[in-house]
Protein backbone atom coordinates (compact mmCIF):
# COMPACT_ATOMS: atom_id res chain seq x y z
CA UNK A 1 155.25 34.56 99.43
CA UNK A 2 152.05 34.47 97.48
CA UNK A 3 149.50 37.30 97.86
CA UNK A 4 146.47 38.45 95.91
CA UNK A 5 144.21 41.43 96.18
CA UNK A 6 140.51 41.87 95.35
CA UNK A 7 139.23 44.96 93.48
CA UNK A 8 139.63 48.21 95.47
CA UNK A 9 142.38 46.82 97.73
CA UNK A 10 145.72 48.45 98.10
CA UNK A 11 148.57 46.07 97.03
CA UNK A 12 151.51 45.83 99.38
CA UNK A 13 154.93 46.06 97.54
CA UNK A 14 157.14 45.96 100.64
CA UNK A 15 156.74 43.13 103.22
CA UNK A 16 159.92 44.06 105.20
CA UNK A 17 157.65 45.52 107.96
CA UNK A 18 156.04 42.00 108.55
CA UNK A 19 156.57 40.92 112.09
CA UNK A 20 155.43 37.29 112.40
CA UNK A 21 157.57 34.58 110.94
CA UNK A 22 156.20 31.84 108.66
CA UNK A 23 153.85 33.99 106.68
CA UNK A 24 153.86 32.53 103.15
CA UNK A 25 150.39 33.07 101.73
CA UNK A 26 147.42 35.34 101.73
CA UNK A 27 145.65 32.95 103.99
CA UNK A 28 148.55 33.07 106.55
CA UNK A 29 148.42 36.82 106.53
CA UNK A 30 144.67 37.03 106.82
CA UNK A 31 144.82 34.72 109.77
CA UNK A 32 147.26 36.78 111.79
CA UNK A 33 145.77 40.05 110.91
CA UNK A 34 142.26 38.76 111.93
CA UNK A 35 143.51 37.81 115.24
CA UNK A 36 145.12 41.14 115.92
CA UNK A 37 141.86 42.93 114.67
CA UNK A 38 139.73 40.81 116.93
CA UNK A 39 141.69 42.08 119.92
CA UNK A 40 141.25 45.70 118.83
CA UNK A 41 137.49 45.12 118.28
CA UNK A 42 137.18 43.84 121.94
CA UNK A 43 139.13 46.89 123.21
CA UNK A 44 137.32 49.55 121.20
CA UNK A 45 133.74 48.19 120.72
CA UNK A 46 132.86 46.03 123.64
CA UNK A 47 133.02 48.55 126.43
CA UNK A 48 131.20 51.95 126.75
CA UNK A 49 132.22 54.46 124.21
CA UNK A 50 132.52 58.24 125.01
CA UNK A 51 131.20 61.00 122.89
CA UNK A 52 133.42 61.25 119.69
CA UNK A 53 134.14 64.82 120.83
CA UNK A 54 136.46 63.20 123.45
CA UNK A 55 138.38 60.83 121.18
CA UNK A 56 138.01 61.61 117.43
CA UNK A 57 141.41 63.15 116.96
CA UNK A 58 144.42 62.28 114.74
CA UNK A 59 146.55 60.79 117.45
CA UNK A 60 143.69 58.51 118.72
CA UNK A 61 142.93 57.41 115.18
CA UNK A 62 146.57 56.40 114.71
CA UNK A 63 146.38 54.58 118.08
CA UNK A 64 143.37 52.54 116.87
CA UNK A 65 145.19 51.46 113.72
CA UNK A 66 148.27 50.49 115.73
CA UNK A 67 146.04 48.39 118.01
CA UNK A 68 144.57 46.63 114.97
CA UNK A 69 147.78 45.89 113.12
CA UNK A 70 150.58 46.37 115.66
CA UNK A 71 151.34 42.63 116.29
CA UNK A 72 151.67 42.15 112.45
CA UNK A 73 153.31 45.21 110.79
CA UNK A 74 155.98 47.51 112.23
CA UNK A 75 154.37 50.47 110.36
CA UNK A 76 151.00 50.08 112.12
CA UNK A 77 149.73 53.45 113.30
CA UNK A 78 152.13 55.41 111.05
CA UNK A 79 151.13 57.40 107.97
CA UNK A 80 152.13 55.94 104.75
CA UNK A 81 154.86 57.56 102.77
CA UNK A 82 154.19 55.82 99.43
CA UNK A 83 152.00 56.81 96.65
CA UNK A 84 149.03 54.38 96.12
CA UNK A 85 146.37 54.11 93.50
CA UNK A 86 143.83 54.83 96.22
CA UNK A 87 144.14 57.65 98.62
CA UNK A 88 145.38 61.15 98.58
CA UNK A 89 149.12 62.13 98.23
CA UNK A 90 151.15 61.31 101.38
CA UNK A 91 151.72 65.05 102.14
CA UNK A 92 147.93 65.56 102.21
CA UNK A 93 147.15 62.78 104.70
CA UNK A 94 147.82 64.75 107.90
CA UNK A 95 145.93 67.99 106.89
CA UNK A 96 142.98 66.05 105.33
CA UNK A 97 142.70 63.87 108.49
CA UNK A 98 142.85 66.87 110.67
CA UNK A 99 140.00 68.39 108.58
CA UNK A 100 137.89 65.31 109.02
CA UNK A 101 138.49 65.47 112.80
CA UNK A 102 137.50 69.11 112.93
CA UNK A 103 134.28 68.33 111.07
CA UNK A 104 133.42 65.48 113.56
CA UNK A 105 134.20 67.79 116.49
CA UNK A 106 131.87 70.29 114.95
CA UNK A 107 129.15 67.70 114.69
CA UNK A 108 129.34 66.94 118.29
CA UNK A 109 129.03 70.64 119.30
CA UNK A 110 126.64 72.09 116.71
CA UNK A 111 123.31 71.13 115.05
CA UNK A 112 123.65 69.22 111.94
CA UNK A 113 120.92 67.68 109.82
CA UNK A 114 122.63 64.30 109.46
CA UNK A 115 121.47 61.21 111.33
CA UNK A 116 124.04 59.28 113.22
CA UNK A 117 124.27 56.63 110.62
CA UNK A 118 124.75 59.28 107.87
CA UNK A 119 127.50 60.88 109.99
CA UNK A 120 129.21 57.30 110.43
CA UNK A 121 128.99 56.66 106.70
CA UNK A 122 130.70 59.94 105.89
CA UNK A 123 133.58 59.16 108.53
CA UNK A 124 133.87 55.69 106.97
CA UNK A 125 134.08 57.02 103.39
CA UNK A 126 136.45 59.78 104.15
CA UNK A 127 138.88 57.62 106.03
CA UNK A 128 138.98 55.20 103.02
CA UNK A 129 139.32 58.12 100.69
CA UNK A 130 142.26 59.58 102.59
CA UNK A 131 143.76 56.03 103.00
CA UNK A 132 146.13 57.17 105.82
CA UNK A 133 148.07 53.93 106.22
CA UNK A 134 149.92 51.36 104.09
CA UNK A 135 147.39 48.78 104.41
CA UNK A 136 144.29 47.82 106.40
CA UNK A 137 142.52 51.21 105.65
CA UNK A 138 139.03 49.58 104.89
CA UNK A 139 139.08 47.53 108.01
CA UNK A 140 140.36 50.49 110.05
CA UNK A 141 137.59 52.75 108.59
CA UNK A 142 134.86 50.21 109.35
CA UNK A 143 136.00 49.86 112.97
CA UNK A 144 136.17 53.66 113.54
CA UNK A 145 132.65 54.10 111.92
CA UNK A 146 131.40 51.23 114.18
CA UNK A 147 132.78 52.88 117.23
CA UNK A 148 131.23 56.23 116.03
CA UNK A 149 127.73 54.49 115.95
CA UNK A 150 128.17 52.84 119.32
CA UNK A 151 129.16 56.12 120.97
CA UNK A 152 125.58 57.33 120.11
CA UNK A 153 123.97 53.94 121.15
CA UNK A 154 123.25 52.81 117.61
CA UNK A 155 123.66 49.21 116.39
CA UNK A 156 126.53 48.98 113.95
CA UNK A 157 126.94 46.77 111.06
CA UNK A 158 127.80 42.99 111.09
CA UNK A 159 130.33 43.23 108.38
CA UNK A 160 130.87 40.17 106.15
CA UNK A 161 134.35 39.32 105.00
CA UNK A 162 135.34 41.94 102.47
CA UNK A 163 138.83 40.74 102.02
CA UNK A 164 137.98 38.44 99.08
CA UNK A 165 136.01 39.21 95.92
CA UNK A 166 132.29 38.55 96.03
CA UNK A 167 128.89 40.14 95.84
CA UNK A 168 129.31 42.05 99.20
CA UNK A 169 132.58 43.40 98.26
CA UNK A 170 131.13 44.50 94.78
CA UNK A 171 128.34 46.33 96.38
CA UNK A 172 130.66 47.88 99.08
CA UNK A 173 133.16 49.11 96.39
CA UNK A 174 130.16 50.51 94.33
CA UNK A 175 128.82 52.39 97.38
CA UNK A 176 132.28 53.88 98.17
CA UNK A 177 132.70 55.04 94.56
CA UNK A 178 129.19 56.67 94.71
CA UNK A 179 130.34 58.56 97.91
CA UNK A 180 133.36 59.74 96.06
CA UNK A 181 130.81 61.67 93.92
CA UNK A 182 129.03 62.93 97.02
CA UNK A 183 126.17 60.34 97.08
CA UNK A 184 126.20 58.57 100.47
CA UNK A 185 122.83 56.80 99.97
CA UNK A 186 124.21 53.51 98.78
CA UNK A 187 126.76 53.24 101.56
CA UNK A 188 124.13 54.14 104.22
CA UNK A 189 121.75 51.44 102.69
CA UNK A 190 124.62 48.94 102.70
CA UNK A 191 125.42 49.54 106.35
CA UNK A 192 121.69 49.54 107.21
CA UNK A 193 121.20 46.14 105.47
CA UNK A 194 124.10 44.72 107.58
CA UNK A 195 122.24 45.76 110.84
CA UNK A 196 123.26 49.43 111.51
CA UNK A 197 120.45 51.71 112.30
CA UNK A 198 119.73 55.07 113.81
CA UNK A 199 117.64 55.39 117.00
CA UNK A 200 113.90 55.39 116.44
CA UNK A 201 112.27 58.75 117.04
CA UNK A 202 110.61 57.50 120.13
CA UNK A 203 113.94 56.46 121.46
CA UNK A 204 115.69 59.68 120.60
CA UNK A 205 113.03 61.68 122.35
CA UNK A 206 112.43 59.38 125.20
CA UNK A 207 115.72 57.81 126.28
CA UNK A 208 117.48 59.63 129.04
CA UNK A 209 120.92 59.08 127.38
CA UNK A 210 119.89 61.27 124.45
CA UNK A 211 118.32 63.88 126.63
CA UNK A 212 121.70 64.31 128.37
CA UNK A 213 123.68 63.99 125.03
CA UNK A 214 121.77 66.46 122.93
CA UNK A 215 121.01 70.08 123.29
CA UNK A 216 117.65 71.40 122.17
CA UNK A 217 119.13 72.65 118.95
CA UNK A 218 120.82 69.42 118.08
CA UNK A 219 117.77 67.37 118.99
CA UNK A 220 115.64 69.44 116.60
CA UNK A 221 118.15 68.97 113.88
CA UNK A 222 118.30 65.27 114.46
CA UNK A 223 114.55 64.95 114.20
CA UNK A 224 114.61 66.83 110.86
CA UNK A 225 117.35 64.47 109.76
CA UNK A 226 115.50 61.36 110.81
CA UNK A 227 112.20 62.45 109.18
CA UNK A 228 114.12 63.29 106.00
CA UNK A 229 115.71 59.74 106.05
CA UNK A 230 112.26 58.25 106.01
CA UNK A 231 111.88 57.03 109.61
CA UNK A 232 108.44 55.86 110.92
CA UNK A 233 106.74 58.90 112.36
CA UNK A 234 103.99 57.00 114.24
CA UNK A 235 106.07 54.20 115.59
CA UNK A 236 105.66 53.08 119.33
CA UNK A 237 108.99 51.28 119.90
CA UNK A 238 109.53 53.05 123.19
CA UNK A 239 107.15 51.33 125.48
CA UNK A 240 103.97 51.89 123.35
CA UNK A 241 104.39 55.73 123.21
CA UNK A 242 104.57 57.49 119.82
CA UNK A 243 107.19 60.18 119.15
CA UNK A 244 104.53 62.88 119.32
CA UNK A 245 103.31 61.80 122.73
CA UNK A 246 106.85 61.62 124.03
CA UNK A 247 107.74 65.02 122.74
CA UNK A 248 104.65 66.52 124.47
CA UNK A 249 105.31 64.66 127.67
CA UNK A 250 108.84 66.17 127.73
CA UNK A 251 107.68 69.69 126.74
CA UNK A 252 109.57 69.58 123.42
CA UNK A 253 106.92 71.82 121.96
CA UNK A 254 108.89 72.77 118.76
CA UNK A 255 109.53 69.06 117.99
CA UNK A 256 105.92 68.16 118.64
CA UNK A 257 104.87 70.76 116.23
CA UNK A 258 107.37 69.42 113.66
CA UNK A 259 106.15 65.90 114.05
CA UNK A 260 102.48 66.96 113.75
CA UNK A 261 103.22 68.99 110.55
CA UNK A 262 104.87 65.86 109.17
CA UNK A 263 101.82 63.65 109.67
CA UNK A 264 102.06 62.34 113.30
CA UNK A 265 98.66 60.77 114.34
CA UNK A 266 97.08 63.14 116.88
CA UNK A 267 94.60 60.56 117.87
CA UNK A 268 96.83 57.56 118.50
CA UNK A 269 96.51 56.52 122.19
CA UNK A 270 99.30 55.49 124.53
CA UNK A 271 99.14 52.78 127.09
CA UNK A 272 97.48 55.06 129.52
CA UNK A 273 94.80 55.91 126.98
CA UNK A 274 95.75 59.47 126.27
CA UNK A 275 96.07 60.85 122.77
CA UNK A 276 98.22 63.67 121.64
CA UNK A 277 95.54 66.37 121.80
CA UNK A 278 94.63 65.57 125.39
CA UNK A 279 98.31 65.48 126.37
CA UNK A 280 98.89 68.83 124.73
CA UNK A 281 96.08 70.52 126.72
CA UNK A 282 97.08 68.93 129.98
CA UNK A 283 100.76 70.01 129.47
CA UNK A 284 99.62 73.46 128.70
CA UNK A 285 100.58 73.37 124.99
CA UNK A 286 97.53 75.28 123.90
CA UNK A 287 98.86 76.53 120.51
CA UNK A 288 99.68 72.98 119.51
CA UNK A 289 96.19 71.69 120.65
CA UNK A 290 94.49 74.52 118.66
CA UNK A 291 96.40 73.35 115.54
CA UNK A 292 95.12 69.88 116.10
CA UNK A 293 91.61 71.17 116.60
CA UNK A 294 91.81 73.27 113.30
CA UNK A 295 93.07 70.06 111.65
CA UNK A 296 89.81 68.27 112.52
CA UNK A 297 90.28 66.88 116.04
CA UNK A 298 86.85 66.03 117.34
CA UNK A 299 86.58 68.45 120.25
CA UNK A 300 83.52 70.46 121.27
CA UNK A 301 84.54 73.84 123.06
CA UNK A 302 82.88 74.58 126.36
CA UNK A 303 80.98 71.28 126.39
CA UNK A 304 81.85 68.78 129.08
CA UNK A 305 83.23 65.61 127.38
CA UNK A 306 84.59 62.26 128.34
CA UNK A 307 88.05 63.15 127.02
CA UNK A 308 90.95 62.76 129.50
CA UNK A 309 91.60 66.37 129.93
CA UNK A 310 92.02 68.15 133.24
CA UNK A 311 89.09 70.35 133.97
CA UNK A 312 91.04 73.41 134.78
CA UNK A 313 93.38 73.14 131.65
CA UNK A 314 90.31 72.51 129.37
CA UNK A 315 88.85 75.77 130.86
CA UNK A 316 92.02 77.68 130.04
CA UNK A 317 92.20 76.30 126.61
CA UNK A 318 88.55 77.18 125.96
CA UNK A 319 88.98 80.72 127.26
CA UNK A 320 91.99 81.39 125.11
CA UNK A 321 90.46 80.36 121.93
CA UNK A 322 86.64 80.14 122.04
């Protein structure tokens, strides 16, 4: 049998666990593995995916690896016992994988200022770093990270073939080595270039799925994370409504204040013709509206205007501040 390995791959020294007959070359092995992985991708990525809090545990991760490689290798889904050039010592695999699962479980429960894509990149890297199985760790890590993104309604990467040496693999390996040093920016950027993305702010604040999924504290933390990642703060991808307008409509006053303080446009109008100042008064968010007024919003207190503000709410606002 003739096999070759690109940079960063784990060479196999023992082929006794190979199940199919007639495998003589790397191309033969790649073909049968790709067929097995395709079936696993259909199972784990094509249907609705639950919150990772329900499935991200050691036993389930082993099940995913077995589904990916169980038709090819007898050891699929079992932790490696050999020492490899990549990965932790075998005796560290179980505790470090358990630690990763505990971190993910905490992310599902508590506020964390990491975007979904940043979380998925960390999951991806740490699985590669631990290298739990004899082989297929990169492909396994990518599928798990893709499933993680899908659980949060995020597009996941369209991965090129990374089995052979080439520019994509060179960038990929470089991003993983940077992540080894705690810098995930290259890996996040690489995944983003391949089609992965976080929800737009207007989607995060407006979609019912995220309203059900996120507590107030987790929503605030995610807004901070998305802003820190450089998202468009005045985008209107959600049916022509800006994140600030959606936050006000949903009574997310703390988030509306955060968006305004980070440069959200208070005079941008939605499809119904309302701007954020008018919405804030109509929704009774008078403190926020006052901040907008103090920042230069063109409003004349106690003078009837053509603004789309309810008369009784305008009177309450004026009585409170003027």
